[in-house]
mmCIF file of all heavy atoms, coordinates in Angstrom:
data_MODEL
# 
_entry.id   MODEL 
# 
loop_
_atom_site.group_PDB 
_atom_site.id 
_atom_site.type_symbol 
_atom_site.label_atom_id 
_atom_site.label_alt_id 
_atom_site.label_comp_id 
_atom_site.label_asym_id 
_atom_site.label_entity_id 
_atom_site.label_seq_id 
_atom_site.pdbx_PDB_ins_code 
_atom_site.Cartn_x 
_atom_site.Cartn_y 
_atom_site.Cartn_z 
_atom_site.occupancy 
_atom_site.B_iso_or_equiv 
_atom_site.pdbx_formal_charge 
_atom_site.auth_seq_id 
_atom_site.auth_comp_id 
_atom_site.auth_asym_id 
_atom_site.auth_atom_id 
_atom_site.pdbx_PDB_model_num 
ATOM 1   N N   . LYS A 1 1  ? -38.179 -65.835 -16.256 1.00 0.00 ? 1  LYS A N   1 
ATOM 2   C CA  . LYS A 1 1  ? -38.230 -64.761 -15.291 1.00 0.00 ? 1  LYS A CA  1 
ATOM 3   C C   . LYS A 1 1  ? -37.441 -65.031 -14.011 1.00 0.00 ? 1  LYS A C   1 
ATOM 4   O O   . LYS A 1 1  ? -37.029 -64.183 -13.335 1.00 0.00 ? 1  LYS A O   1 
ATOM 5   C CB  . LYS A 1 1  ? -39.638 -64.396 -14.928 1.00 0.00 ? 1  LYS A CB  1 
ATOM 6   C CG  . LYS A 1 1  ? -40.413 -63.652 -16.072 1.00 0.00 ? 1  LYS A CG  1 
ATOM 7   C CD  . LYS A 1 1  ? -41.814 -63.296 -15.624 1.00 0.00 ? 1  LYS A CD  1 
ATOM 8   C CE  . LYS A 1 1  ? -41.873 -62.308 -14.508 1.00 0.00 ? 1  LYS A CE  1 
ATOM 9   N NZ  . LYS A 1 1  ? -43.206 -61.902 -14.122 1.00 0.00 ? 1  LYS A NZ  1 
ATOM 10  N N   . CYS A 1 2  ? -37.264 -66.306 -13.685 1.00 0.00 ? 2  CYS A N   1 
ATOM 11  C CA  . CYS A 1 2  ? -36.601 -66.675 -12.490 1.00 0.00 ? 2  CYS A CA  1 
ATOM 12  C C   . CYS A 1 2  ? -35.089 -66.542 -12.667 1.00 0.00 ? 2  CYS A C   1 
ATOM 13  O O   . CYS A 1 2  ? -34.497 -66.950 -13.647 1.00 0.00 ? 2  CYS A O   1 
ATOM 14  C CB  . CYS A 1 2  ? -36.871 -68.135 -12.126 1.00 0.00 ? 2  CYS A CB  1 
ATOM 15  S SG  . CYS A 1 2  ? -35.973 -68.718 -10.666 1.00 0.00 ? 2  CYS A SG  1 
ATOM 16  N N   . THR A 1 3  ? -34.460 -65.851 -11.733 1.00 0.00 ? 3  THR A N   1 
ATOM 17  C CA  . THR A 1 3  ? -33.012 -65.503 -11.842 1.00 0.00 ? 3  THR A CA  1 
ATOM 18  C C   . THR A 1 3  ? -32.078 -66.439 -11.060 1.00 0.00 ? 3  THR A C   1 
ATOM 19  O O   . THR A 1 3  ? -30.895 -66.223 -11.027 1.00 0.00 ? 3  THR A O   1 
ATOM 20  C CB  . THR A 1 3  ? -32.845 -64.044 -11.392 1.00 0.00 ? 3  THR A CB  1 
ATOM 21  O OG1 . THR A 1 3  ? -33.234 -63.969 -10.009 1.00 0.00 ? 3  THR A OG1 1 
ATOM 22  C CG2 . THR A 1 3  ? -33.529 -63.059 -12.229 1.00 0.00 ? 3  THR A CG2 1 
ATOM 23  N N   . THR A 1 4  ? -32.641 -67.500 -10.388 1.00 0.00 ? 4  THR A N   1 
ATOM 24  C CA  . THR A 1 4  ? -31.764 -68.332 -9.685  1.00 0.00 ? 4  THR A CA  1 
ATOM 25  C C   . THR A 1 4  ? -31.195 -69.446 -10.642 1.00 0.00 ? 4  THR A C   1 
ATOM 26  O O   . THR A 1 4  ? -31.863 -69.804 -11.628 1.00 0.00 ? 4  THR A O   1 
ATOM 27  C CB  . THR A 1 4  ? -32.441 -69.059 -8.513  1.00 0.00 ? 4  THR A CB  1 
ATOM 28  O OG1 . THR A 1 4  ? -33.552 -69.933 -9.008  1.00 0.00 ? 4  THR A OG1 1 
ATOM 29  C CG2 . THR A 1 4  ? -33.111 -68.057 -7.551  1.00 0.00 ? 4  THR A CG2 1 
ATOM 30  N N   . GLY A 1 5  ? -30.011 -69.925 -10.326 1.00 0.00 ? 5  GLY A N   1 
ATOM 31  C CA  . GLY A 1 5  ? -29.428 -70.951 -11.205 1.00 0.00 ? 5  GLY A CA  1 
ATOM 32  C C   . GLY A 1 5  ? -30.218 -72.230 -11.293 1.00 0.00 ? 5  GLY A C   1 
ATOM 33  O O   . GLY A 1 5  ? -30.266 -72.906 -12.266 1.00 0.00 ? 5  GLY A O   1 
ATOM 34  N N   . SER A 1 6  ? -30.891 -72.553 -10.203 1.00 0.00 ? 6  SER A N   1 
ATOM 35  C CA  . SER A 1 6  ? -31.621 -73.833 -10.110 1.00 0.00 ? 6  SER A CA  1 
ATOM 36  C C   . SER A 1 6  ? -33.064 -73.767 -10.656 1.00 0.00 ? 6  SER A C   1 
ATOM 37  O O   . SER A 1 6  ? -33.686 -74.732 -10.979 1.00 0.00 ? 6  SER A O   1 
ATOM 38  C CB  . SER A 1 6  ? -31.687 -74.329 -8.663  1.00 0.00 ? 6  SER A CB  1 
ATOM 39  O OG  . SER A 1 6  ? -32.469 -73.394 -7.880  1.00 0.00 ? 6  SER A OG  1 
ATOM 40  N N   . GLY A 1 7  ? -33.486 -72.476 -10.782 1.00 0.00 ? 7  GLY A N   1 
ATOM 41  C CA  . GLY A 1 7  ? -34.920 -72.301 -11.191 1.00 0.00 ? 7  GLY A CA  1 
ATOM 42  C C   . GLY A 1 7  ? -35.863 -72.457 -10.034 1.00 0.00 ? 7  GLY A C   1 
ATOM 43  O O   . GLY A 1 7  ? -37.045 -72.258 -10.163 1.00 0.00 ? 7  GLY A O   1 
ATOM 44  N N   . GLU A 1 8  ? -35.344 -72.759 -8.854  1.00 0.00 ? 8  GLU A N   1 
ATOM 45  C CA  . GLU A 1 8  ? -36.086 -72.918 -7.613  1.00 0.00 ? 8  GLU A CA  1 
ATOM 46  C C   . GLU A 1 8  ? -35.984 -71.685 -6.760  1.00 0.00 ? 8  GLU A C   1 
ATOM 47  O O   . GLU A 1 8  ? -35.077 -70.865 -6.908  1.00 0.00 ? 8  GLU A O   1 
ATOM 48  C CB  . GLU A 1 8  ? -35.603 -74.110 -6.794  1.00 0.00 ? 8  GLU A CB  1 
ATOM 49  C CG  . GLU A 1 8  ? -35.583 -75.430 -7.578  1.00 0.00 ? 8  GLU A CG  1 
ATOM 50  C CD  . GLU A 1 8  ? -36.975 -75.976 -7.867  1.00 0.00 ? 8  GLU A CD  1 
ATOM 51  O OE1 . GLU A 1 8  ? -37.756 -75.964 -6.928  1.00 0.00 ? 8  GLU A OE1 1 
ATOM 52  O OE2 . GLU A 1 8  ? -37.169 -76.515 -8.954  1.00 0.00 ? 8  GLU A OE2 1 
ATOM 53  N N   . ILE A 1 9  ? -36.919 -71.521 -5.822  1.00 0.00 ? 9  ILE A N   1 
ATOM 54  C CA  . ILE A 1 9  ? -36.776 -70.456 -4.778  1.00 0.00 ? 9  ILE A CA  1 
ATOM 55  C C   . ILE A 1 9  ? -35.588 -70.873 -3.912  1.00 0.00 ? 9  ILE A C   1 
ATOM 56  O O   . ILE A 1 9  ? -35.526 -71.915 -3.304  1.00 0.00 ? 9  ILE A O   1 
ATOM 57  C CB  . ILE A 1 9  ? -38.028 -70.326 -3.946  1.00 0.00 ? 9  ILE A CB  1 
ATOM 58  C CG1 . ILE A 1 9  ? -39.255 -70.020 -4.816  1.00 0.00 ? 9  ILE A CG1 1 
ATOM 59  C CG2 . ILE A 1 9  ? -37.832 -69.277 -2.842  1.00 0.00 ? 9  ILE A CG2 1 
ATOM 60  C CD1 . ILE A 1 9  ? -40.581 -70.166 -4.108  1.00 0.00 ? 9  ILE A CD1 1 
ATOM 61  N N   . GLU A 1 10 ? -34.605 -69.947 -3.814  1.00 0.00 ? 10 GLU A N   1 
ATOM 62  C CA  . GLU A 1 10 ? -33.414 -70.178 -2.999  1.00 0.00 ? 10 GLU A CA  1 
ATOM 63  C C   . GLU A 1 10 ? -33.330 -69.298 -1.755  1.00 0.00 ? 10 GLU A C   1 
ATOM 64  O O   . GLU A 1 10 ? -32.643 -69.586 -0.807  1.00 0.00 ? 10 GLU A O   1 
ATOM 65  C CB  . GLU A 1 10 ? -32.114 -70.043 -3.844  1.00 0.00 ? 10 GLU A CB  1 
ATOM 66  C CG  . GLU A 1 10 ? -32.056 -71.078 -4.953  1.00 0.00 ? 10 GLU A CG  1 
ATOM 67  C CD  . GLU A 1 10 ? -30.860 -70.855 -5.891  1.00 0.00 ? 10 GLU A CD  1 
ATOM 68  O OE1 . GLU A 1 10 ? -30.084 -69.914 -5.655  1.00 0.00 ? 10 GLU A OE1 1 
ATOM 69  O OE2 . GLU A 1 10 ? -30.665 -71.652 -6.821  1.00 0.00 ? 10 GLU A OE2 1 
ATOM 70  N N   . SER A 1 11 ? -34.085 -68.192 -1.791  1.00 0.00 ? 11 SER A N   1 
ATOM 71  C CA  . SER A 1 11 ? -34.073 -67.279 -0.654  1.00 0.00 ? 11 SER A CA  1 
ATOM 72  C C   . SER A 1 11 ? -35.471 -66.646 -0.495  1.00 0.00 ? 11 SER A C   1 
ATOM 73  O O   . SER A 1 11 ? -35.985 -66.017 -1.425  1.00 0.00 ? 11 SER A O   1 
ATOM 74  C CB  . SER A 1 11 ? -33.071 -66.185 -0.823  1.00 0.00 ? 11 SER A CB  1 
ATOM 75  O OG  . SER A 1 11 ? -33.215 -65.186 0.204   1.00 0.00 ? 11 SER A OG  1 
ATOM 76  N N   . TYR A 1 12 ? -36.063 -66.814 0.693   1.00 0.00 ? 12 TYR A N   1 
ATOM 77  C CA  . TYR A 1 12 ? -37.353 -66.177 0.996   1.00 0.00 ? 12 TYR A CA  1 
ATOM 78  C C   . TYR A 1 12 ? -37.215 -64.750 1.368   1.00 0.00 ? 12 TYR A C   1 
ATOM 79  O O   . TYR A 1 12 ? -38.228 -64.094 1.743   1.00 0.00 ? 12 TYR A O   1 
ATOM 80  C CB  . TYR A 1 12 ? -38.094 -67.010 2.042   1.00 0.00 ? 12 TYR A CB  1 
ATOM 81  C CG  . TYR A 1 12 ? -38.856 -68.167 1.413   1.00 0.00 ? 12 TYR A CG  1 
ATOM 82  C CD1 . TYR A 1 12 ? -38.165 -69.365 1.112   1.00 0.00 ? 12 TYR A CD1 1 
ATOM 83  C CD2 . TYR A 1 12 ? -40.196 -68.077 1.126   1.00 0.00 ? 12 TYR A CD2 1 
ATOM 84  C CE1 . TYR A 1 12 ? -38.849 -70.452 0.489   1.00 0.00 ? 12 TYR A CE1 1 
ATOM 85  C CE2 . TYR A 1 12 ? -40.862 -69.089 0.506   1.00 0.00 ? 12 TYR A CE2 1 
ATOM 86  C CZ  . TYR A 1 12 ? -40.187 -70.264 0.206   1.00 0.00 ? 12 TYR A CZ  1 
ATOM 87  O OH  . TYR A 1 12 ? -40.846 -71.356 -0.402  1.00 0.00 ? 12 TYR A OH  1 
ATOM 88  N N   . CYS A 1 13 ? -36.011 -64.234 1.366   1.00 0.00 ? 13 CYS A N   1 
ATOM 89  C CA  . CYS A 1 13 ? -35.750 -62.836 1.595   1.00 0.00 ? 13 CYS A CA  1 
ATOM 90  C C   . CYS A 1 13 ? -35.822 -62.002 0.322   1.00 0.00 ? 13 CYS A C   1 
ATOM 91  O O   . CYS A 1 13 ? -35.684 -60.830 0.314   1.00 0.00 ? 13 CYS A O   1 
ATOM 92  C CB  . CYS A 1 13 ? -34.403 -62.592 2.308   1.00 0.00 ? 13 CYS A CB  1 
ATOM 93  S SG  . CYS A 1 13 ? -34.291 -63.311 3.939   1.00 0.00 ? 13 CYS A SG  1 
ATOM 94  N N   . ASP A 1 14 ? -36.004 -62.668 -0.821  1.00 0.00 ? 14 ASP A N   1 
ATOM 95  C CA  . ASP A 1 14 ? -36.044 -62.062 -2.126  1.00 0.00 ? 14 ASP A CA  1 
ATOM 96  C C   . ASP A 1 14 ? -37.507 -62.276 -2.697  1.00 0.00 ? 14 ASP A C   1 
ATOM 97  O O   . ASP A 1 14 ? -37.794 -63.384 -3.156  1.00 0.00 ? 14 ASP A O   1 
ATOM 98  C CB  . ASP A 1 14 ? -35.027 -62.695 -3.044  1.00 0.00 ? 14 ASP A CB  1 
ATOM 99  C CG  . ASP A 1 14 ? -34.996 -62.046 -4.389  1.00 0.00 ? 14 ASP A CG  1 
ATOM 100 O OD1 . ASP A 1 14 ? -35.961 -61.386 -4.852  1.00 0.00 ? 14 ASP A OD1 1 
ATOM 101 O OD2 . ASP A 1 14 ? -33.997 -62.224 -5.171  1.00 0.00 ? 14 ASP A OD2 1 
ATOM 102 N N   . ALA A 1 15 ? -38.344 -61.211 -2.650  1.00 0.00 ? 15 ALA A N   1 
ATOM 103 C CA  . ALA A 1 15 ? -39.685 -61.363 -3.121  1.00 0.00 ? 15 ALA A CA  1 
ATOM 104 C C   . ALA A 1 15 ? -39.804 -61.810 -4.527  1.00 0.00 ? 15 ALA A C   1 
ATOM 105 O O   . ALA A 1 15 ? -40.710 -62.579 -4.934  1.00 0.00 ? 15 ALA A O   1 
ATOM 106 C CB  . ALA A 1 15 ? -40.433 -60.065 -2.856  1.00 0.00 ? 15 ALA A CB  1 
ATOM 107 N N   . ARG A 1 16 ? -38.903 -61.380 -5.368  1.00 0.00 ? 16 ARG A N   1 
ATOM 108 C CA  . ARG A 1 16 ? -38.961 -61.727 -6.813  1.00 0.00 ? 16 ARG A CA  1 
ATOM 109 C C   . ARG A 1 16 ? -38.740 -63.229 -6.980  1.00 0.00 ? 16 ARG A C   1 
ATOM 110 O O   . ARG A 1 16 ? -39.394 -63.824 -7.828  1.00 0.00 ? 16 ARG A O   1 
ATOM 111 C CB  . ARG A 1 16 ? -37.939 -60.923 -7.600  1.00 0.00 ? 16 ARG A CB  1 
ATOM 112 C CG  . ARG A 1 16 ? -38.171 -59.418 -7.540  1.00 0.00 ? 16 ARG A CG  1 
ATOM 113 C CD  . ARG A 1 16 ? -37.280 -58.674 -8.529  1.00 0.00 ? 16 ARG A CD  1 
ATOM 114 N NE  . ARG A 1 16 ? -37.711 -58.895 -9.920  1.00 0.00 ? 16 ARG A NE  1 
ATOM 115 C CZ  . ARG A 1 16 ? -38.678 -58.217 -10.528 1.00 0.00 ? 16 ARG A CZ  1 
ATOM 116 N NH1 . ARG A 1 16 ? -39.298 -57.275 -9.856  1.00 0.00 ? 16 ARG A NH1 1 
ATOM 117 N NH2 . ARG A 1 16 ? -38.977 -58.486 -11.735 1.00 0.00 ? 16 ARG A NH2 1 
ATOM 118 N N   . GLN A 1 17 ? -37.767 -63.800 -6.241  1.00 0.00 ? 17 GLN A N   1 
ATOM 119 C CA  . GLN A 1 17 ? -37.567 -65.255 -6.301  1.00 0.00 ? 17 GLN A CA  1 
ATOM 120 C C   . GLN A 1 17 ? -38.858 -65.990 -5.842  1.00 0.00 ? 17 GLN A C   1 
ATOM 121 O O   . GLN A 1 17 ? -39.283 -66.954 -6.522  1.00 0.00 ? 17 GLN A O   1 
ATOM 122 C CB  . GLN A 1 17 ? -36.457 -65.659 -5.378  1.00 0.00 ? 17 GLN A CB  1 
ATOM 123 C CG  . GLN A 1 17 ? -35.090 -65.488 -5.916  1.00 0.00 ? 17 GLN A CG  1 
ATOM 124 C CD  . GLN A 1 17 ? -34.050 -66.177 -5.034  1.00 0.00 ? 17 GLN A CD  1 
ATOM 125 O OE1 . GLN A 1 17 ? -34.269 -67.254 -4.545  1.00 0.00 ? 17 GLN A OE1 1 
ATOM 126 N NE2 . GLN A 1 17 ? -32.889 -65.485 -4.863  1.00 0.00 ? 17 GLN A NE2 1 
ATOM 127 N N   . VAL A 1 18 ? -39.422 -65.543 -4.749  1.00 0.00 ? 18 VAL A N   1 
ATOM 128 C CA  . VAL A 1 18 ? -40.555 -66.240 -4.141  1.00 0.00 ? 18 VAL A CA  1 
ATOM 129 C C   . VAL A 1 18 ? -41.756 -66.260 -5.115  1.00 0.00 ? 18 VAL A C   1 
ATOM 130 O O   . VAL A 1 18 ? -42.490 -67.263 -5.215  1.00 0.00 ? 18 VAL A O   1 
ATOM 131 C CB  . VAL A 1 18 ? -40.964 -65.589 -2.818  1.00 0.00 ? 18 VAL A CB  1 
ATOM 132 C CG1 . VAL A 1 18 ? -42.207 -66.265 -2.243  1.00 0.00 ? 18 VAL A CG1 1 
ATOM 133 C CG2 . VAL A 1 18 ? -39.825 -65.684 -1.819  1.00 0.00 ? 18 VAL A CG2 1 
ATOM 134 N N   . ARG A 1 19 ? -41.850 -65.240 -5.943  1.00 0.00 ? 19 ARG A N   1 
ATOM 135 C CA  . ARG A 1 19 ? -43.032 -65.094 -6.796  1.00 0.00 ? 19 ARG A CA  1 
ATOM 136 C C   . ARG A 1 19 ? -42.743 -65.490 -8.284  1.00 0.00 ? 19 ARG A C   1 
ATOM 137 O O   . ARG A 1 19 ? -43.693 -65.696 -9.042  1.00 0.00 ? 19 ARG A O   1 
ATOM 138 C CB  . ARG A 1 19 ? -43.555 -63.662 -6.757  1.00 0.00 ? 19 ARG A CB  1 
ATOM 139 C CG  . ARG A 1 19 ? -44.216 -63.348 -5.407  1.00 0.00 ? 19 ARG A CG  1 
ATOM 140 C CD  . ARG A 1 19 ? -44.538 -61.884 -5.292  1.00 0.00 ? 19 ARG A CD  1 
ATOM 141 N NE  . ARG A 1 19 ? -45.346 -61.617 -4.095  1.00 0.00 ? 19 ARG A NE  1 
ATOM 142 C CZ  . ARG A 1 19 ? -45.317 -60.496 -3.415  1.00 0.00 ? 19 ARG A CZ  1 
ATOM 143 N NH1 . ARG A 1 19 ? -44.567 -59.492 -3.797  1.00 0.00 ? 19 ARG A NH1 1 
ATOM 144 N NH2 . ARG A 1 19 ? -46.119 -60.344 -2.328  1.00 0.00 ? 19 ARG A NH2 1 
ATOM 145 N N   . ASN A 1 20 ? -41.490 -65.587 -8.670  1.00 0.00 ? 20 ASN A N   1 
ATOM 146 C CA  . ASN A 1 20 ? -41.167 -65.897 -10.055 1.00 0.00 ? 20 ASN A CA  1 
ATOM 147 C C   . ASN A 1 20 ? -40.514 -67.238 -10.218 1.00 0.00 ? 20 ASN A C   1 
ATOM 148 O O   . ASN A 1 20 ? -40.431 -67.784 -11.382 1.00 0.00 ? 20 ASN A O   1 
ATOM 149 C CB  . ASN A 1 20 ? -40.221 -64.863 -10.641 1.00 0.00 ? 20 ASN A CB  1 
ATOM 150 C CG  . ASN A 1 20 ? -40.926 -63.490 -10.831 1.00 0.00 ? 20 ASN A CG  1 
ATOM 151 O OD1 . ASN A 1 20 ? -42.191 -63.439 -10.857 1.00 0.00 ? 20 ASN A OD1 1 
ATOM 152 N ND2 . ASN A 1 20 ? -40.127 -62.434 -10.873 1.00 0.00 ? 20 ASN A ND2 1 
ATOM 153 N N   . CYS A 1 21 ? -40.009 -67.864 -9.166  1.00 0.00 ? 21 CYS A N   1 
ATOM 154 C CA  . CYS A 1 21 ? -39.337 -69.134 -9.281  1.00 0.00 ? 21 CYS A CA  1 
ATOM 155 C C   . CYS A 1 21 ? -40.199 -70.321 -8.794  1.00 0.00 ? 21 CYS A C   1 
ATOM 156 O O   . CYS A 1 21 ? -41.259 -70.062 -8.245  1.00 0.00 ? 21 CYS A O   1 
ATOM 157 C CB  . CYS A 1 21 ? -37.984 -69.114 -8.450  1.00 0.00 ? 21 CYS A CB  1 
ATOM 158 S SG  . CYS A 1 21 ? -36.813 -67.804 -9.076  1.00 0.00 ? 21 CYS A SG  1 
ATOM 159 N N   . ARG A 1 22 ? -39.663 -71.474 -8.973  1.00 0.00 ? 22 ARG A N   1 
ATOM 160 C CA  . ARG A 1 22 ? -40.530 -72.656 -8.687  1.00 0.00 ? 22 ARG A CA  1 
ATOM 161 C C   . ARG A 1 22 ? -40.472 -73.024 -7.168  1.00 0.00 ? 22 ARG A C   1 
ATOM 162 O O   . ARG A 1 22 ? -39.441 -73.038 -6.544  1.00 0.00 ? 22 ARG A O   1 
ATOM 163 C CB  . ARG A 1 22 ? -40.004 -73.873 -9.480  1.00 0.00 ? 22 ARG A CB  1 
ATOM 164 C CG  . ARG A 1 22 ? -40.154 -73.749 -10.951 1.00 0.00 ? 22 ARG A CG  1 
ATOM 165 C CD  . ARG A 1 22 ? -39.988 -75.044 -11.670 1.00 0.00 ? 22 ARG A CD  1 
ATOM 166 N NE  . ARG A 1 22 ? -38.688 -75.659 -11.522 1.00 0.00 ? 22 ARG A NE  1 
ATOM 167 C CZ  . ARG A 1 22 ? -37.616 -75.552 -12.385 1.00 0.00 ? 22 ARG A CZ  1 
ATOM 168 N NH1 . ARG A 1 22 ? -37.791 -74.926 -13.482 1.00 0.00 ? 22 ARG A NH1 1 
ATOM 169 N NH2 . ARG A 1 22 ? -36.501 -76.190 -12.082 1.00 0.00 ? 22 ARG A NH2 1 
ATOM 170 N N   . LEU A 1 23 ? -41.689 -73.226 -6.685  1.00 0.00 ? 23 LEU A N   1 
ATOM 171 C CA  . LEU A 1 23 ? -41.823 -73.716 -5.281  1.00 0.00 ? 23 LEU A CA  1 
ATOM 172 C C   . LEU A 1 23 ? -41.670 -75.227 -5.296  1.00 0.00 ? 23 LEU A C   1 
ATOM 173 O O   . LEU A 1 23 ? -42.492 -75.892 -5.943  1.00 0.00 ? 23 LEU A O   1 
ATOM 174 C CB  . LEU A 1 23 ? -43.212 -73.295 -4.769  1.00 0.00 ? 23 LEU A CB  1 
ATOM 175 C CG  . LEU A 1 23 ? -43.786 -73.927 -3.536  1.00 0.00 ? 23 LEU A CG  1 
ATOM 176 C CD1 . LEU A 1 23 ? -42.893 -73.513 -2.289  1.00 0.00 ? 23 LEU A CD1 1 
ATOM 177 C CD2 . LEU A 1 23 ? -45.219 -73.570 -3.260  1.00 0.00 ? 23 LEU A CD2 1 
ATOM 178 N N   . VAL A 1 24 ? -40.719 -75.783 -4.676  1.00 0.00 ? 24 VAL A N   1 
ATOM 179 C CA  . VAL A 1 24 ? -40.433 -77.214 -4.664  1.00 0.00 ? 24 VAL A CA  1 
ATOM 180 C C   . VAL A 1 24 ? -40.646 -77.889 -6.021  1.00 0.00 ? 24 VAL A C   1 
ATOM 181 O O   . VAL A 1 24 ? -41.397 -78.841 -6.138  1.00 0.00 ? 24 VAL A O   1 
ATOM 182 C CB  . VAL A 1 24 ? -41.183 -77.953 -3.539  1.00 0.00 ? 24 VAL A CB  1 
ATOM 183 C CG1 . VAL A 1 24 ? -40.676 -77.536 -2.163  1.00 0.00 ? 24 VAL A CG1 1 
ATOM 184 C CG2 . VAL A 1 24 ? -42.696 -77.735 -3.572  1.00 0.00 ? 24 VAL A CG2 1 
# 
């Protein structure tokens, strides 16, 4: 579900990243 290349949260301005990608 995470759409960033790294699989990590890359932008806290994107709610989907913050909730679907890995925190640290």
